């Protein structure tokens, strides 16, 4: 377990350093260095138009707490939060934390902590950075929108019907935690809440600028389907992972 955790931290450190070095390089066009969401695009295709410089140079290092994933190591299909997943916009890198339930903004050139925003539960997914704003979800059931410059809350949206809390992974979380990782596409933010179909699952599309609801799907948890044990029942999708958006 010790080696496993050290490898996670090392992997994250390498990813952050590559991101920071790219952002600090004079050889890269400033408009192309952003990494606005997990795996860059709404289709989750992990590449950007920019090219890495021929030489990378270490600028700074920041040590983070060991990750605390939601599910045990043996749950191979649910390893969406094994490490920290940062995004970059301009000269800021935004890092979520499932350990203390925060998102922190660091300066890419110096590593200086610009601001830190806390939620009421773990933040397990990469934020979205767009148009001067940062969006992210938390196990407290909310999608948050912050001003990227100062971390001030602009608005938040609850994914489920109530603020009822339950015990999850040793923490108090919403009974409908937001574990459908957000994706930005065509001016809209898509995310999902709820992990148990019998409690309810909710998929939302919101206007990224205002937080206004475009549509909500609250019925995919009650589809009458044949289960793996050959008995039909009402069930549905459990949205736990990063969402994908395509035309």
C-alpha atoms as a PDB file:
ATOM      1  CA  UNK A   1       0.000   0.000   0.000  1.00  0.00           C
ATOM      2  CA  UNK A   2       2.884   2.355   0.761  1.00  0.00           C
ATOM      3  CA  UNK A   3       4.384   1.968  -2.719  1.00  0.00           C
ATOM      4  CA  UNK A   4       0.926   2.285  -4.268  1.00  0.00           C
ATOM      5  CA  UNK A   5       0.303   5.610  -2.540  1.00  0.00           C
ATOM      6  CA  UNK A   6       3.779   6.933  -3.291  1.00  0.00           C
ATOM      7  CA  UNK A   7       3.262   6.112  -6.962  1.00  0.00           C
ATOM      8  CA  UNK A   8      -0.005   8.065  -6.947  1.00  0.00           C
ATOM      9  CA  UNK A   9       1.668  11.118  -5.457  1.00  0.00           C
ATOM     10  CA  UNK A  10       4.616  10.839  -7.835  1.00  0.00           C
ATOM     11  CA  UNK A  11       2.311  10.533 -10.841  1.00  0.00           C
ATOM     12  CA  UNK A  12       0.426  13.648  -9.806  1.00  0.00           C
ATOM     13  CA  UNK A  13       3.648  15.562  -9.171  1.00  0.00           C
ATOM     14  CA  UNK A  14       4.925  14.729 -12.655  1.00  0.00           C
ATOM     15  CA  UNK A  15       1.619  15.800 -14.250  1.00  0.00           C
ATOM     16  CA  UNK A  16       1.578  19.091 -12.366  1.00  0.00           C
ATOM     17  CA  UNK A  17       5.185  19.853 -13.157  1.00  0.00           C
ATOM     18  CA  UNK A  18       4.660  19.191 -16.848  1.00  0.00           C
ATOM     19  CA  UNK A  19       1.616  21.436 -16.831  1.00  0.00           C
ATOM     20  CA  UNK A  20       3.418  24.192 -14.967  1.00  0.00           C
ATOM     21  CA  UNK A  21       6.509  23.993 -17.134  1.00  0.00           C
ATOM     22  CA  UNK A  22       4.418  24.174 -20.279  1.00  0.00           C
ATOM     23  CA  UNK A  23       2.600  27.206 -18.932  1.00  0.00           C
ATOM     24  CA  UNK A  24       5.876  28.919 -18.090  1.00  0.00           C
ATOM     25  CA  UNK A  25       7.604  28.222 -21.387  1.00  0.00           C
ATOM     26  CA  UNK A  26       8.221  31.200 -23.671  1.00  0.00           C
ATOM     27  CA  UNK A  27       8.090  28.895 -26.703  1.00  0.00           C
ATOM     28  CA  UNK A  28       4.359  28.188 -26.351  1.00  0.00           C
ATOM     29  CA  UNK A  29       1.592  30.498 -27.509  1.00  0.00           C
ATOM     30  CA  UNK A  30      -0.188  31.882 -24.426  1.00  0.00           C
ATOM     31  CA  UNK A  31      -3.632  31.249 -25.870  1.00  0.00           C
ATOM     32  CA  UNK A  32      -2.909  27.559 -26.412  1.00  0.00           C
ATOM     33  CA  UNK A  33      -1.531  26.624 -22.993  1.00  0.00           C
ATOM     34  CA  UNK A  34      -4.868  26.304 -21.209  1.00  0.00           C
ATOM     35  CA  UNK A  35      -5.961  22.849 -20.098  1.00  0.00           C
ATOM     36  CA  UNK A  36      -9.568  23.797 -19.281  1.00  0.00           C
ATOM     37  CA  UNK A  37     -11.069  20.479 -18.202  1.00  0.00           C
ATOM     38  CA  UNK A  38     -10.227  16.845 -17.588  1.00  0.00           C
ATOM     39  CA  UNK A  39      -8.469  15.384 -20.656  1.00  0.00           C
ATOM     40  CA  UNK A  40      -8.673  18.805 -22.301  1.00  0.00           C
ATOM     41  CA  UNK A  41     -11.911  18.598 -24.303  1.00  0.00           C
ATOM     42  CA  UNK A  42     -15.587  17.723 -23.904  1.00  0.00           C
ATOM     43  CA  UNK A  43     -14.912  14.505 -25.821  1.00  0.00           C
ATOM     44  CA  UNK A  44     -12.110  13.703 -23.331  1.00  0.00           C
ATOM     45  CA  UNK A  45      -9.479  13.476 -26.054  1.00  0.00           C
ATOM     46  CA  UNK A  46      -6.249  14.010 -24.096  1.00  0.00           C
ATOM     47  CA  UNK A  47      -4.339  16.334 -26.412  1.00  0.00           C
ATOM     48  CA  UNK A  48      -4.093  20.056 -27.103  1.00  0.00           C
ATOM     49  CA  UNK A  49      -3.029  22.043 -30.187  1.00  0.00           C
ATOM     50  CA  UNK A  50       0.133  23.222 -28.437  1.00  0.00           C
ATOM     51  CA  UNK A  51       3.450  21.410 -28.507  1.00  0.00           C
ATOM     52  CA  UNK A  52       5.762  20.810 -25.595  1.00  0.00           C
ATOM     53  CA  UNK A  53       9.061  22.684 -25.769  1.00  0.00           C
ATOM     54  CA  UNK A  54      12.152  20.635 -26.516  1.00  0.00           C
ATOM     55  CA  UNK A  55      13.388  21.036 -22.946  1.00  0.00           C
ATOM     56  CA  UNK A  56      11.349  21.086 -19.733  1.00  0.00           C
ATOM     57  CA  UNK A  57      12.665  22.815 -16.616  1.00  0.00           C
ATOM     58  CA  UNK A  58      11.543  22.319 -13.038  1.00  0.00           C
ATOM     59  CA  UNK A  59      10.059  25.572 -11.705  1.00  0.00           C
ATOM     60  CA  UNK A  60       8.642  24.609  -8.320  1.00  0.00           C
ATOM     61  CA  UNK A  61       7.262  21.684  -6.316  1.00  0.00           C
ATOM     62  CA  UNK A  62       4.240  21.461  -4.035  1.00  0.00           C
ATOM     63  CA  UNK A  63       3.653  18.476  -1.748  1.00  0.00           C
ATOM     64  CA  UNK A  64       0.019  17.352  -1.417  1.00  0.00           C
ATOM     65  CA  UNK A  65      -1.636  15.026   1.072  1.00  0.00           C
ATOM     66  CA  UNK A  66      -2.039  11.402   0.071  1.00  0.00           C
ATOM     67  CA  UNK A  67      -5.231  10.962  -1.978  1.00  0.00           C
ATOM     68  CA  UNK A  68      -8.277   9.436  -0.293  1.00  0.00           C
ATOM     69  CA  UNK A  69     -10.302   7.739  -3.065  1.00  0.00           C
ATOM     70  CA  UNK A  70     -13.996   7.062  -2.614  1.00  0.00           C
ATOM     71  CA  UNK A  71     -13.778   3.354  -3.393  1.00  0.00           C
ATOM     72  CA  UNK A  72     -11.340   0.560  -2.416  1.00  0.00           C
ATOM     73  CA  UNK A  73      -8.428  -0.280  -4.672  1.00  0.00           C
ATOM     74  CA  UNK A  74     -10.114  -3.510  -5.817  1.00  0.00           C
ATOM     75  CA  UNK A  75     -13.032  -1.604  -7.387  1.00  0.00           C
ATOM     76  CA  UNK A  76     -11.226  -1.192 -10.700  1.00  0.00           C
ATOM     77  CA  UNK A  77     -14.216   0.337 -12.503  1.00  0.00           C
ATOM     78  CA  UNK A  78     -14.579   3.119  -9.939  1.00  0.00           C
ATOM     79  CA  UNK A  79     -11.069   4.576  -9.766  1.00  0.00           C
ATOM     80  CA  UNK A  80     -12.007   8.082 -10.866  1.00  0.00           C
ATOM     81  CA  UNK A  81     -10.256   9.884  -8.007  1.00  0.00           C
ATOM     82  CA  UNK A  82      -7.015   8.016  -7.450  1.00  0.00           C
ATOM     83  CA  UNK A  83      -5.078  11.248  -7.665  1.00  0.00           C
ATOM     84  CA  UNK A  84      -5.469  15.007  -7.952  1.00  0.00           C
ATOM     85  CA  UNK A  85      -6.610  16.246 -11.380  1.00  0.00           C
ATOM     86  CA  UNK A  86      -5.614  19.884 -12.025  1.00  0.00           C
ATOM     87  CA  UNK A  87      -6.696  22.219 -14.828  1.00  0.00           C
ATOM     88  CA  UNK A  88      -4.994  25.349 -16.151  1.00  0.00           C
ATOM     89  CA  UNK A  89      -6.314  28.707 -17.333  1.00  0.00           C
ATOM     90  CA  UNK A  90      -3.964  31.575 -18.034  1.00  0.00           C
ATOM     91  CA  UNK A  91      -1.355  31.724 -15.298  1.00  0.00           C
ATOM     92  CA  UNK A  92      -3.371  29.790 -12.735  1.00  0.00           C
ATOM     93  CA  UNK A  93      -3.562  26.092 -12.012  1.00  0.00           C
ATOM     94  CA  UNK A  94      -6.650  24.884 -10.128  1.00  0.00           C
ATOM     95  CA  UNK A  95      -6.283  21.786  -7.952  1.00  0.00           C
ATOM     96  CA  UNK A  96      -9.220  19.924  -6.344  1.00  0.00           C
ATOM     97  CA  UNK A  97      -8.841  17.981  -3.105  1.00  0.00           C
ATOM     98  CA  UNK A  98     -10.814  14.982  -1.942  1.00  0.00           C
ATOM     99  CA  UNK A  99      -8.892  15.208   1.337  1.00  0.00           C
ATOM    100  CA  UNK A 100     -10.078  18.585   2.644  1.00  0.00           C
ATOM    101  CA  UNK A 101     -12.933  19.288   0.218  1.00  0.00           C
ATOM    102  CA  UNK A 102     -11.335  22.294  -1.435  1.00  0.00           C
ATOM    103  CA  UNK A 103     -10.207  23.796  -4.712  1.00  0.00           C
ATOM    104  CA  UNK A 104      -6.980  25.814  -4.646  1.00  0.00           C
ATOM    105  CA  UNK A 105      -5.604  28.235  -7.237  1.00  0.00           C
ATOM    106  CA  UNK A 106      -1.816  28.440  -7.623  1.00  0.00           C
ATOM    107  CA  UNK A 107       0.252  30.760  -9.785  1.00  0.00           C
ATOM    108  CA  UNK A 108       1.858  28.679 -12.526  1.00  0.00           C
ATOM    109  CA  UNK A 109       5.144  30.597 -12.526  1.00  0.00           C
ATOM    110  CA  UNK A 110       5.811  30.759  -8.786  1.00  0.00           C
ATOM    111  CA  UNK A 111       3.629  28.112  -7.126  1.00  0.00           C
ATOM    112  CA  UNK A 112       2.184  30.810  -4.879  1.00  0.00           C
ATOM    113  CA  UNK A 113      -1.253  29.986  -3.464  1.00  0.00           C
ATOM    114  CA  UNK A 114      -3.636  32.601  -4.821  1.00  0.00           C
ATOM    115  CA  UNK A 115      -6.834  31.454  -3.106  1.00  0.00           C
ATOM    116  CA  UNK A 116      -8.509  28.410  -1.569  1.00  0.00           C
ATOM    117  CA  UNK A 117     -12.238  27.619  -1.467  1.00  0.00           C
ATOM    118  CA  UNK A 118     -13.747  24.981   0.839  1.00  0.00           C
ATOM    119  CA  UNK A 119     -16.917  22.956   0.325  1.00  0.00           C
ATOM    120  CA  UNK A 120     -18.673  20.728   2.865  1.00  0.00           C
ATOM    121  CA  UNK A 121     -17.398  17.417   1.432  1.00  0.00           C
ATOM    122  CA  UNK A 122     -14.653  15.930  -0.778  1.00  0.00           C
ATOM    123  CA  UNK A 123     -14.025  17.421  -4.227  1.00  0.00           C
ATOM    124  CA  UNK A 124     -13.161  14.365  -6.312  1.00  0.00           C
ATOM    125  CA  UNK A 125     -13.150  15.628  -9.901  1.00  0.00           C
ATOM    126  CA  UNK A 126     -11.172  18.091 -11.973  1.00  0.00           C
ATOM    127  CA  UNK A 127     -12.695  21.556 -12.204  1.00  0.00           C
ATOM    128  CA  UNK A 128     -13.634  23.318 -15.431  1.00  0.00           C
ATOM    129  CA  UNK A 129     -11.928  26.643 -16.176  1.00  0.00           C
ATOM    130  CA  UNK A 130     -13.740  28.840 -18.689  1.00  0.00           C
ATOM    131  CA  UNK A 131     -14.222  32.529 -19.374  1.00  0.00           C
ATOM    132  CA  UNK A 132     -12.774  33.704 -16.074  1.00  0.00           C
ATOM    133  CA  UNK A 133     -14.744  31.204 -14.014  1.00  0.00           C
ATOM    134  CA  UNK A 134     -14.043  27.878 -12.295  1.00  0.00           C
ATOM    135  CA  UNK A 135     -16.716  25.172 -11.995  1.00  0.00           C
ATOM    136  CA  UNK A 136     -16.535  22.005  -9.908  1.00  0.00           C
ATOM    137  CA  UNK A 137     -18.669  19.483  -8.046  1.00  0.00           C
ATOM    138  CA  UNK A 138     -18.491  18.173  -4.491  1.00  0.00           C
ATOM    139  CA  UNK A 139     -19.775  15.223  -2.513  1.00  0.00           C
ATOM    140  CA  UNK A 140     -21.943  17.779  -0.703  1.00  0.00           C
ATOM    141  CA  UNK A 141     -24.167  17.551  -3.789  1.00  0.00           C
ATOM    142  CA  UNK A 142     -23.481  20.968  -5.321  1.00  0.00           C
ATOM    143  CA  UNK A 143     -21.992  22.340  -8.518  1.00  0.00           C
ATOM    144  CA  UNK A 144     -20.027  25.493  -7.701  1.00  0.00           C
ATOM    145  CA  UNK A 145     -19.102  28.452  -9.894  1.00  0.00           C
ATOM    146  CA  UNK A 146     -16.305  30.736  -8.661  1.00  0.00           C
ATOM    147  CA  UNK A 147     -14.588  33.827  -9.972  1.00  0.00           C
ATOM    148  CA  UNK A 148     -11.210  32.535 -11.148  1.00  0.00           C
ATOM    149  CA  UNK A 149      -9.347  35.679 -10.083  1.00  0.00           C
ATOM    150  CA  UNK A 150     -10.275  35.698  -6.398  1.00  0.00           C
ATOM    151  CA  UNK A 151     -12.200  32.468  -5.648  1.00  0.00           C
ATOM    152  CA  UNK A 152     -15.399  34.321  -4.745  1.00  0.00           C
ATOM    153  CA  UNK A 153     -18.560  32.215  -5.078  1.00  0.00           C
ATOM    154  CA  UNK A 154     -20.736  33.427  -7.959  1.00  0.00           C
ATOM    155  CA  UNK A 155     -23.438  30.784  -7.709  1.00  0.00           C
ATOM    156  CA  UNK A 156     -24.017  27.159  -6.801  1.00  0.00           C
ATOM    157  CA  UNK A 157     -26.583  24.569  -7.833  1.00  0.00           C
ATOM    158  CA  UNK A 158     -27.738  21.531  -5.850  1.00  0.00           C
ATOM    159  CA  UNK A 159     -27.902  18.386  -7.961  1.00  0.00           C
ATOM    160  CA  UNK A 160     -30.413  16.507  -5.807  1.00  0.00           C
ATOM    161  CA  UNK A 161     -33.695  17.481  -4.140  1.00  0.00           C
ATOM    162  CA  UNK A 162     -32.451  17.965  -0.547  1.00  0.00           C
ATOM    163  CA  UNK A 163     -29.435  18.665   1.651  1.00  0.00           C
ATOM    164  CA  UNK A 164     -29.950  15.429   3.591  1.00  0.00           C
ATOM    165  CA  UNK A 165     -26.616  14.006   4.742  1.00  0.00           C
ATOM    166  CA  UNK A 166     -25.442  10.399   5.023  1.00  0.00           C
ATOM    167  CA  UNK A 167     -22.151   8.824   6.054  1.00  0.00           C
ATOM    168  CA  UNK A 168     -19.965   8.053   3.063  1.00  0.00           C
ATOM    169  CA  UNK A 169     -16.298   7.030   3.140  1.00  0.00           C
ATOM    170  CA  UNK A 170     -16.052   8.198   6.734  1.00  0.00           C
ATOM    171  CA  UNK A 171     -17.355  11.661   5.832  1.00  0.00           C
ATOM    172  CA  UNK A 172     -20.758  13.326   5.872  1.00  0.00           C
ATOM    173  CA  UNK A 173     -21.890  13.672   2.256  1.00  0.00           C
ATOM    174  CA  UNK A 174     -25.139  14.459   0.501  1.00  0.00           C
ATOM    175  CA  UNK A 175     -27.347  11.415  -0.093  1.00  0.00           C
ATOM    176  CA  UNK A 176     -27.036  12.443  -3.761  1.00  0.00           C
ATOM    177  CA  UNK A 177     -23.320  13.289  -4.000  1.00  0.00           C
ATOM    178  CA  UNK A 178     -22.251  14.962  -7.231  1.00  0.00           C
ATOM    179  CA  UNK A 179     -20.092  12.219  -8.726  1.00  0.00           C
ATOM    180  CA  UNK A 180     -20.904  12.688 -12.381  1.00  0.00           C
ATOM    181  CA  UNK A 181     -17.794  14.736 -13.164  1.00  0.00           C
ATOM    182  CA  UNK A 182     -18.648  18.002 -14.946  1.00  0.00           C
ATOM    183  CA  UNK A 183     -18.025  18.632 -18.628  1.00  0.00           C
ATOM    184  CA  UNK A 184     -18.233  21.907 -20.567  1.00  0.00           C
ATOM    185  CA  UNK A 185     -19.658  21.951 -24.079  1.00  0.00           C
ATOM    186  CA  UNK A 186     -21.169  24.706 -26.213  1.00  0.00           C
ATOM    187  CA  UNK A 187     -21.697  27.157 -23.372  1.00  0.00           C
ATOM    188  CA  UNK A 188     -23.233  24.620 -21.009  1.00  0.00           C
ATOM    189  CA  UNK A 189     -22.071  22.659 -17.973  1.00  0.00           C
ATOM    190  CA  UNK A 190     -23.263  19.065 -17.645  1.00  0.00           C
ATOM    191  CA  UNK A 191     -22.966  17.140 -14.382  1.00  0.00           C
ATOM    192  CA  UNK A 192     -24.775  14.427 -12.424  1.00  0.00           C
ATOM    193  CA  UNK A 193     -25.702  13.677  -8.811  1.00  0.00           C
ATOM    194  CA  UNK A 194     -26.738  10.479  -7.055  1.00  0.00           C
ATOM    195  CA  UNK A 195     -25.041   7.100  -6.955  1.00  0.00           C
ATOM    196  CA  UNK A 196     -27.905   4.823  -5.900  1.00  0.00           C
ATOM    197  CA  UNK A 197     -30.829   4.433  -8.337  1.00  0.00           C
ATOM    198  CA  UNK A 198     -33.298   3.702  -5.522  1.00  0.00           C
ATOM    199  CA  UNK A 199     -32.460   7.087  -3.945  1.00  0.00           C
ATOM    200  CA  UNK A 200     -32.470   8.962  -7.237  1.00  0.00           C
ATOM    201  CA  UNK A 201     -30.027  10.073  -9.927  1.00  0.00           C
ATOM    202  CA  UNK A 202     -30.068  13.441 -11.642  1.00  0.00           C
ATOM    203  CA  UNK A 203     -28.355  14.617 -14.814  1.00  0.00           C
ATOM    204  CA  UNK A 204     -28.335  18.378 -15.373  1.00  0.00           C
ATOM    205  CA  UNK A 205     -27.485  20.821 -18.141  1.00  0.00           C
ATOM    206  CA  UNK A 206     -26.906  24.396 -16.946  1.00  0.00           C
ATOM    207  CA  UNK A 207     -26.034  27.622 -18.719  1.00  0.00           C
ATOM    208  CA  UNK A 208     -22.377  28.134 -17.811  1.00  0.00           C
ATOM    209  CA  UNK A 209     -22.669  31.901 -17.581  1.00  0.00           C
ATOM    210  CA  UNK A 210     -25.726  32.120 -15.339  1.00  0.00           C
ATOM    211  CA  UNK A 211     -26.337  28.691 -13.801  1.00  0.00           C
ATOM    212  CA  UNK A 212     -29.857  28.648 -15.246  1.00  0.00           C
ATOM    213  CA  UNK A 213     -31.249  25.154 -15.834  1.00  0.00           C
ATOM    214  CA  UNK A 214     -31.506  24.078 -19.476  1.00  0.00           C
ATOM    215  CA  UNK A 215     -32.863  20.626 -18.680  1.00  0.00           C
ATOM    216  CA  UNK A 216     -32.795  17.922 -16.007  1.00  0.00           C
ATOM    217  CA  UNK A 217     -33.096  14.160 -16.421  1.00  0.00           C
ATOM    218  CA  UNK A 218     -34.401  12.643 -13.188  1.00  0.00           C
ATOM    219  CA  UNK A 219     -35.925   9.465 -14.609  1.00  0.00           C
ATOM    220  CA  UNK A 220     -32.960   7.364 -15.709  1.00  0.00           C
ATOM    221  CA  UNK A 221     -32.818   5.683 -12.295  1.00  0.00           C
ATOM    222  CA  UNK A 222     -36.193   3.953 -12.718  1.00  0.00           C
ATOM    223  CA  UNK A 223     -35.878   2.030 -15.962  1.00  0.00           C
ATOM    224  CA  UNK A 224     -37.384  -1.470 -15.917  1.00  0.00           C
ATOM    225  CA  UNK A 225     -34.446  -3.614 -17.058  1.00  0.00           C
ATOM    226  CA  UNK A 226     -33.161  -7.172 -16.810  1.00  0.00           C
ATOM    227  CA  UNK A 227     -30.477  -7.429 -14.143  1.00  0.00           C
ATOM    228  CA  UNK A 228     -27.298  -9.498 -14.239  1.00  0.00           C
ATOM    229  CA  UNK A 229     -28.935 -12.090 -11.987  1.00  0.00           C
ATOM    230  CA  UNK A 230     -31.640 -12.589 -14.688  1.00  0.00           C
ATOM    231  CA  UNK A 231     -34.439 -10.920 -12.739  1.00  0.00           C
ATOM    232  CA  UNK A 232     -36.051  -7.705 -14.025  1.00  0.00           C
ATOM    233  CA  UNK A 233     -36.371  -4.704 -11.738  1.00  0.00           C
ATOM    234  CA  UNK A 234     -36.429  -0.931 -11.720  1.00  0.00           C
ATOM    235  CA  UNK A 235     -32.866   0.334 -11.877  1.00  0.00           C
ATOM    236  CA  UNK A 236     -30.750   2.657 -13.952  1.00  0.00           C
ATOM    237  CA  UNK A 237     -27.475   4.433 -14.486  1.00  0.00           C
ATOM    238  CA  UNK A 238     -25.261   5.285 -11.529  1.00  0.00           C
ATOM    239  CA  UNK A 239     -23.332   8.350 -12.732  1.00  0.00           C
ATOM    240  CA  UNK A 240     -19.887   7.896 -11.206  1.00  0.00           C
ATOM    241  CA  UNK A 241     -17.082   9.106 -13.464  1.00  0.00           C
ATOM    242  CA  UNK A 242     -16.383  11.996 -15.770  1.00  0.00           C
ATOM    243  CA  UNK A 243     -19.184  12.847 -18.181  1.00  0.00           C
ATOM    244  CA  UNK A 244     -18.533  13.164 -21.916  1.00  0.00           C
ATOM    245  CA  UNK A 245     -20.294  15.584 -24.276  1.00  0.00           C
ATOM    246  CA  UNK A 246     -20.389  15.207 -28.062  1.00  0.00           C
ATOM    247  CA  UNK A 247     -22.389  16.867 -30.865  1.00  0.00           C
END
